[in-house]
């Protein structure tokens, strides 16, 4: 299990299928397969629980922000300060400028 406190992430499933957990140790479990996309706002815990050998995930990040990987309890206090400061991406990472995710994120901020 890990999360990113200073950048958002998009996961694209390129091949195969796997079971993943989003939202931390008590989060929700999903089966993802080729063609699926998951958009993870900064601070979203994620973990691969099981996958076949063919499972291929491609991670992508916006051009602004700094990649980090939080995995321990010691990361928590710093992360809680950093997460709210992560800027909303300029455009929806799936649908582009004007896409629905951009509108949702702007409402949430």
N, C-alpha and C. Protein backbone atom coordinates (compact mmCIF):
# COMPACT_ATOMS: atom_id res chain seq x y z
N UNK A 1 0.86 -1.18 0.00
CA UNK A 1 0.00 0.00 0.00
C UNK A 1 0.89 1.23 0.00
N UNK A 2 0.55 2.16 -0.87
CA UNK A 2 1.23 3.45 -0.86
C UNK A 2 0.28 4.51 -1.41
N UNK A 3 0.69 5.76 -1.28
CA UNK A 3 -0.05 6.87 -1.86
C UNK A 3 0.96 7.97 -2.17
N UNK A 4 0.50 8.95 -2.92
CA UNK A 4 1.33 10.09 -3.29
C UNK A 4 0.73 11.33 -2.66
N UNK A 5 1.53 12.09 -1.94
CA UNK A 5 0.99 13.25 -1.23
C UNK A 5 1.21 14.56 -1.97
N UNK A 6 2.01 14.53 -3.05
CA UNK A 6 2.33 15.79 -3.73
C UNK A 6 2.01 15.77 -5.23
N UNK A 7 1.26 14.72 -5.65
CA UNK A 7 0.90 14.64 -7.07
C UNK A 7 -0.29 13.69 -7.25
N UNK A 8 -1.10 13.96 -8.25
CA UNK A 8 -2.19 13.06 -8.62
C UNK A 8 -1.63 11.98 -9.55
N UNK A 9 -2.40 10.91 -9.76
CA UNK A 9 -1.92 9.80 -10.60
C UNK A 9 -3.08 9.23 -11.41
N UNK A 10 -2.77 8.80 -12.62
CA UNK A 10 -3.72 8.07 -13.46
C UNK A 10 -3.10 6.71 -13.73
N UNK A 11 -3.89 5.66 -13.54
CA UNK A 11 -3.44 4.31 -13.85
C UNK A 11 -4.23 3.79 -15.04
N UNK A 12 -3.55 3.37 -16.06
CA UNK A 12 -4.18 2.76 -17.22
C UNK A 12 -3.82 1.29 -17.27
N UNK A 13 -4.81 0.43 -17.40
CA UNK A 13 -4.55 -1.00 -17.47
C UNK A 13 -4.36 -1.36 -18.94
N UNK A 14 -3.14 -1.72 -19.28
CA UNK A 14 -2.79 -1.99 -20.68
C UNK A 14 -3.01 -3.45 -21.07
N UNK A 15 -2.90 -4.34 -20.08
CA UNK A 15 -2.98 -5.76 -20.41
C UNK A 15 -3.33 -6.56 -19.16
N UNK A 16 -4.10 -7.62 -19.35
CA UNK A 16 -4.42 -8.55 -18.26
C UNK A 16 -5.44 -8.00 -17.29
N UNK A 17 -5.50 -8.62 -16.11
CA UNK A 17 -6.40 -8.15 -15.06
C UNK A 17 -5.78 -8.41 -13.70
N UNK A 18 -6.23 -7.63 -12.73
CA UNK A 18 -5.73 -7.77 -11.38
C UNK A 18 -6.71 -7.20 -10.38
N UNK A 19 -6.52 -7.60 -9.14
CA UNK A 19 -7.35 -7.09 -8.04
C UNK A 19 -6.54 -6.03 -7.30
N UNK A 20 -7.15 -4.86 -7.14
CA UNK A 20 -6.48 -3.76 -6.46
C UNK A 20 -7.38 -3.20 -5.37
N UNK A 21 -6.76 -2.58 -4.41
CA UNK A 21 -7.50 -1.91 -3.34
C UNK A 21 -7.18 -0.42 -3.44
N UNK A 22 -8.24 0.40 -3.45
CA UNK A 22 -8.11 1.85 -3.44
C UNK A 22 -8.71 2.38 -2.14
N UNK A 23 -8.02 3.32 -1.52
CA UNK A 23 -8.57 3.96 -0.33
C UNK A 23 -7.96 3.51 0.98
N UNK A 24 -6.80 2.90 0.95
CA UNK A 24 -6.15 2.48 2.18
C UNK A 24 -6.49 1.06 2.57
N UNK A 25 -6.01 0.66 3.74
CA UNK A 25 -6.16 -0.73 4.18
C UNK A 25 -7.61 -1.18 4.33
N UNK A 26 -8.51 -0.24 4.55
CA UNK A 26 -9.93 -0.58 4.67
C UNK A 26 -10.70 -0.12 3.44
N UNK A 27 -9.98 0.14 2.35
CA UNK A 27 -10.60 0.66 1.14
C UNK A 27 -11.38 -0.39 0.37
N UNK A 28 -11.82 0.00 -0.80
CA UNK A 28 -12.64 -0.86 -1.65
C UNK A 28 -11.76 -1.64 -2.62
N UNK A 29 -12.13 -2.90 -2.86
CA UNK A 29 -11.39 -3.77 -3.77
C UNK A 29 -12.10 -3.82 -5.12
N UNK A 30 -11.30 -3.68 -6.18
CA UNK A 30 -11.81 -3.71 -7.55
C UNK A 30 -11.01 -4.71 -8.36
N UNK A 31 -11.65 -5.30 -9.34
CA UNK A 31 -10.93 -6.06 -10.36
C UNK A 31 -10.82 -5.15 -11.57
N UNK A 32 -9.59 -4.85 -11.96
CA UNK A 32 -9.34 -4.00 -13.12
C UNK A 32 -8.83 -4.88 -14.26
N UNK A 33 -9.21 -4.49 -15.48
CA UNK A 33 -8.82 -5.27 -16.66
C UNK A 33 -8.37 -4.31 -17.75
N UNK A 34 -7.77 -4.88 -18.79
CA UNK A 34 -7.28 -4.08 -19.91
C UNK A 34 -8.36 -3.10 -20.38
N UNK A 35 -7.98 -1.85 -20.55
CA UNK A 35 -8.91 -0.81 -20.98
C UNK A 35 -9.44 0.05 -19.85
N UNK A 36 -9.32 -0.42 -18.61
CA UNK A 36 -9.79 0.37 -17.47
C UNK A 36 -8.81 1.48 -17.14
N UNK A 37 -9.35 2.56 -16.58
CA UNK A 37 -8.55 3.70 -16.15
C UNK A 37 -8.98 4.08 -14.75
N UNK A 38 -8.01 4.34 -13.88
CA UNK A 38 -8.29 4.81 -12.52
C UNK A 38 -7.59 6.14 -12.32
N UNK A 39 -8.33 7.14 -11.88
CA UNK A 39 -7.76 8.45 -11.58
C UNK A 39 -7.70 8.57 -10.07
N UNK A 40 -6.50 8.77 -9.55
CA UNK A 40 -6.28 8.80 -8.11
C UNK A 40 -5.82 10.18 -7.67
N UNK A 41 -6.70 10.92 -7.00
CA UNK A 41 -6.26 12.20 -6.44
C UNK A 41 -5.15 11.96 -5.41
N UNK A 42 -4.29 12.95 -5.25
CA UNK A 42 -3.22 12.85 -4.25
C UNK A 42 -3.81 12.39 -2.92
N UNK A 43 -3.13 11.47 -2.27
CA UNK A 43 -3.56 10.95 -0.98
C UNK A 43 -4.37 9.68 -1.05
N UNK A 44 -4.69 9.21 -2.25
CA UNK A 44 -5.48 7.98 -2.40
C UNK A 44 -4.56 6.77 -2.29
N UNK A 45 -4.75 5.98 -1.25
CA UNK A 45 -3.96 4.76 -1.08
C UNK A 45 -4.32 3.75 -2.16
N UNK A 46 -3.31 3.03 -2.64
CA UNK A 46 -3.56 2.00 -3.64
C UNK A 46 -2.56 0.86 -3.50
N UNK A 47 -3.07 -0.34 -3.84
CA UNK A 47 -2.28 -1.55 -3.65
C UNK A 47 -2.77 -2.63 -4.60
N UNK A 48 -1.84 -3.31 -5.24
CA UNK A 48 -2.18 -4.48 -6.06
C UNK A 48 -2.25 -5.68 -5.12
N UNK A 49 -3.39 -6.33 -5.08
CA UNK A 49 -3.57 -7.50 -4.20
C UNK A 49 -3.21 -8.80 -4.90
N UNK A 50 -3.55 -8.90 -6.18
CA UNK A 50 -3.20 -10.09 -6.96
C UNK A 50 -3.32 -9.76 -8.43
N UNK A 51 -2.52 -10.45 -9.23
CA UNK A 51 -2.54 -10.21 -10.68
C UNK A 51 -1.84 -11.36 -11.38
N UNK A 52 -2.26 -11.59 -12.62
CA UNK A 52 -1.58 -12.57 -13.45
C UNK A 52 -0.27 -12.00 -13.98
N UNK A 53 0.56 -12.86 -14.53
CA UNK A 53 1.85 -12.43 -15.06
C UNK A 53 1.71 -11.39 -16.17
N UNK A 54 0.59 -11.40 -16.86
CA UNK A 54 0.40 -10.50 -17.99
C UNK A 54 -0.10 -9.12 -17.59
N UNK A 55 -0.43 -8.91 -16.32
CA UNK A 55 -0.99 -7.64 -15.85
C UNK A 55 0.03 -6.52 -16.05
N UNK A 56 -0.37 -5.50 -16.81
CA UNK A 56 0.51 -4.36 -17.08
C UNK A 56 -0.25 -3.08 -16.81
N UNK A 57 0.27 -2.28 -15.89
CA UNK A 57 -0.33 -1.02 -15.49
C UNK A 57 0.63 0.11 -15.86
N UNK A 58 0.08 1.15 -16.46
CA UNK A 58 0.88 2.31 -16.82
C UNK A 58 0.42 3.47 -15.95
N UNK A 59 1.36 4.04 -15.20
CA UNK A 59 1.06 5.19 -14.35
C UNK A 59 1.45 6.47 -15.05
N UNK A 60 0.63 7.50 -14.92
CA UNK A 60 0.92 8.80 -15.52
C UNK A 60 0.63 9.89 -14.50
N UNK A 61 1.37 10.98 -14.64
CA UNK A 61 1.30 12.07 -13.67
C UNK A 61 1.23 13.40 -14.40
N UNK A 62 0.55 14.40 -13.81
CA UNK A 62 0.50 15.71 -14.46
C UNK A 62 1.88 16.35 -14.49
N UNK A 63 2.07 17.33 -15.40
CA UNK A 63 3.39 17.95 -15.50
C UNK A 63 3.76 18.79 -14.27
N UNK A 64 2.77 19.20 -13.48
CA UNK A 64 3.07 19.93 -12.25
C UNK A 64 2.90 18.98 -11.07
N UNK A 65 3.64 19.22 -10.02
CA UNK A 65 3.63 18.36 -8.86
C UNK A 65 4.95 17.62 -8.76
N UNK A 66 5.14 16.97 -7.64
CA UNK A 66 6.38 16.25 -7.38
C UNK A 66 6.05 14.83 -6.95
N UNK A 67 6.63 13.86 -7.64
CA UNK A 67 6.38 12.46 -7.31
C UNK A 67 6.97 12.15 -5.94
N UNK A 68 6.19 11.53 -5.11
CA UNK A 68 6.68 10.96 -3.85
C UNK A 68 5.90 9.68 -3.60
N UNK A 69 6.39 8.87 -2.71
CA UNK A 69 5.72 7.60 -2.40
C UNK A 69 5.67 7.45 -0.89
N UNK A 70 4.48 7.57 -0.34
CA UNK A 70 4.29 7.47 1.10
C UNK A 70 3.85 6.05 1.45
N UNK A 71 4.57 5.45 2.37
CA UNK A 71 4.28 4.06 2.73
C UNK A 71 4.21 3.81 4.24
N UNK A 72 4.62 4.78 5.03
CA UNK A 72 4.72 4.51 6.47
C UNK A 72 3.90 5.49 7.29
N UNK A 73 3.70 5.16 8.53
CA UNK A 73 2.98 6.02 9.47
C UNK A 73 3.73 7.34 9.63
N UNK A 74 5.04 7.29 9.54
CA UNK A 74 5.86 8.50 9.69
C UNK A 74 5.60 9.52 8.56
N UNK A 75 5.13 9.06 7.42
CA UNK A 75 4.83 9.95 6.29
C UNK A 75 3.55 10.76 6.51
N UNK A 76 2.70 10.30 7.40
CA UNK A 76 1.34 10.83 7.51
C UNK A 76 1.26 12.32 7.82
N UNK A 77 1.94 12.81 8.82
CA UNK A 77 1.82 14.22 9.21
C UNK A 77 2.25 15.16 8.10
N UNK A 78 3.35 14.85 7.43
CA UNK A 78 3.81 15.65 6.31
C UNK A 78 2.80 15.59 5.18
N UNK A 79 2.29 14.39 4.90
CA UNK A 79 1.33 14.20 3.81
C UNK A 79 0.04 14.98 4.05
N UNK A 80 -0.46 14.98 5.26
CA UNK A 80 -1.70 15.71 5.56
C UNK A 80 -1.57 17.20 5.28
N UNK A 81 -0.38 17.74 5.39
CA UNK A 81 -0.14 19.15 5.05
C UNK A 81 0.03 19.34 3.55
N UNK A 82 0.62 18.36 2.88
CA UNK A 82 0.94 18.49 1.46
C UNK A 82 -0.27 18.25 0.55
N UNK A 83 -1.11 17.29 0.87
CA UNK A 83 -2.21 16.88 -0.02
C UNK A 83 -3.12 18.04 -0.42
N UNK A 84 -3.58 18.87 0.51
CA UNK A 84 -4.48 19.96 0.11
C UNK A 84 -3.83 20.99 -0.81
N UNK A 85 -2.51 21.02 -0.85
CA UNK A 85 -1.79 22.00 -1.67
C UNK A 85 -1.57 21.53 -3.11
N UNK A 86 -1.90 20.28 -3.41
CA UNK A 86 -1.70 19.77 -4.77
C UNK A 86 -2.73 20.43 -5.69
N UNK A 87 -2.22 21.06 -6.75
CA UNK A 87 -3.13 21.80 -7.63
C UNK A 87 -3.93 20.85 -8.52
N UNK A 88 -5.08 21.32 -8.90
CA UNK A 88 -5.94 20.58 -9.82
C UNK A 88 -5.27 20.59 -11.19
N UNK A 89 -5.20 19.45 -11.88
CA UNK A 89 -4.59 19.43 -13.21
C UNK A 89 -5.29 20.39 -14.17
N UNK A 90 -4.55 20.92 -15.15
CA UNK A 90 -5.10 21.86 -16.12
C UNK A 90 -6.25 21.27 -16.92
N UNK A 91 -6.18 19.95 -17.18
CA UNK A 91 -7.24 19.32 -17.97
C UNK A 91 -7.49 17.90 -17.47
N UNK A 92 -8.62 17.39 -17.80
CA UNK A 92 -9.02 16.02 -17.47
C UNK A 92 -8.01 15.07 -18.11
N UNK A 93 -7.38 14.18 -17.32
CA UNK A 93 -6.35 13.30 -17.87
C UNK A 93 -6.88 12.24 -18.84
N UNK A 94 -8.18 12.04 -18.86
CA UNK A 94 -8.77 11.04 -19.75
C UNK A 94 -9.44 11.71 -20.94
N UNK A 95 -10.27 12.72 -20.68
CA UNK A 95 -11.08 13.34 -21.73
C UNK A 95 -10.52 14.65 -22.26
N UNK A 96 -9.47 15.17 -21.64
CA UNK A 96 -8.88 16.41 -22.12
C UNK A 96 -9.55 17.65 -21.59
N UNK A 97 -9.21 18.78 -22.22
CA UNK A 97 -9.74 20.08 -21.78
C UNK A 97 -11.26 20.06 -21.79
N UNK A 98 -11.85 20.55 -20.72
CA UNK A 98 -13.30 20.59 -20.63
C UNK A 98 -13.95 19.28 -20.25
N UNK A 99 -13.15 18.26 -19.98
CA UNK A 99 -13.69 16.95 -19.62
C UNK A 99 -14.38 16.97 -18.27
N UNK A 100 -15.18 15.96 -17.98
CA UNK A 100 -15.99 15.97 -16.75
C UNK A 100 -15.17 15.95 -15.46
N UNK A 101 -14.02 15.33 -15.47
CA UNK A 101 -13.23 15.27 -14.24
C UNK A 101 -12.75 16.65 -13.82
N UNK A 102 -12.35 17.47 -14.78
CA UNK A 102 -11.92 18.84 -14.46
C UNK A 102 -13.03 19.60 -13.75
N UNK A 103 -14.23 19.45 -14.22
CA UNK A 103 -15.37 20.16 -13.61
C UNK A 103 -15.62 19.65 -12.19
N UNK A 104 -15.54 18.36 -11.98
CA UNK A 104 -15.75 17.79 -10.65
C UNK A 104 -14.68 18.25 -9.67
N UNK A 105 -13.44 18.24 -10.10
CA UNK A 105 -12.35 18.64 -9.21
C UNK A 105 -12.44 20.11 -8.85
N UNK A 106 -12.81 20.95 -9.79
CA UNK A 106 -12.93 22.37 -9.49
C UNK A 106 -14.04 22.63 -8.48
N UNK A 107 -15.13 21.86 -8.55
CA UNK A 107 -16.21 21.98 -7.58
C UNK A 107 -15.75 21.55 -6.20
N UNK A 108 -14.92 20.51 -6.13
CA UNK A 108 -14.48 19.95 -4.84
C UNK A 108 -13.47 20.85 -4.13
N UNK A 109 -12.75 21.65 -4.86
CA UNK A 109 -11.70 22.48 -4.24
C UNK A 109 -12.23 23.64 -3.50
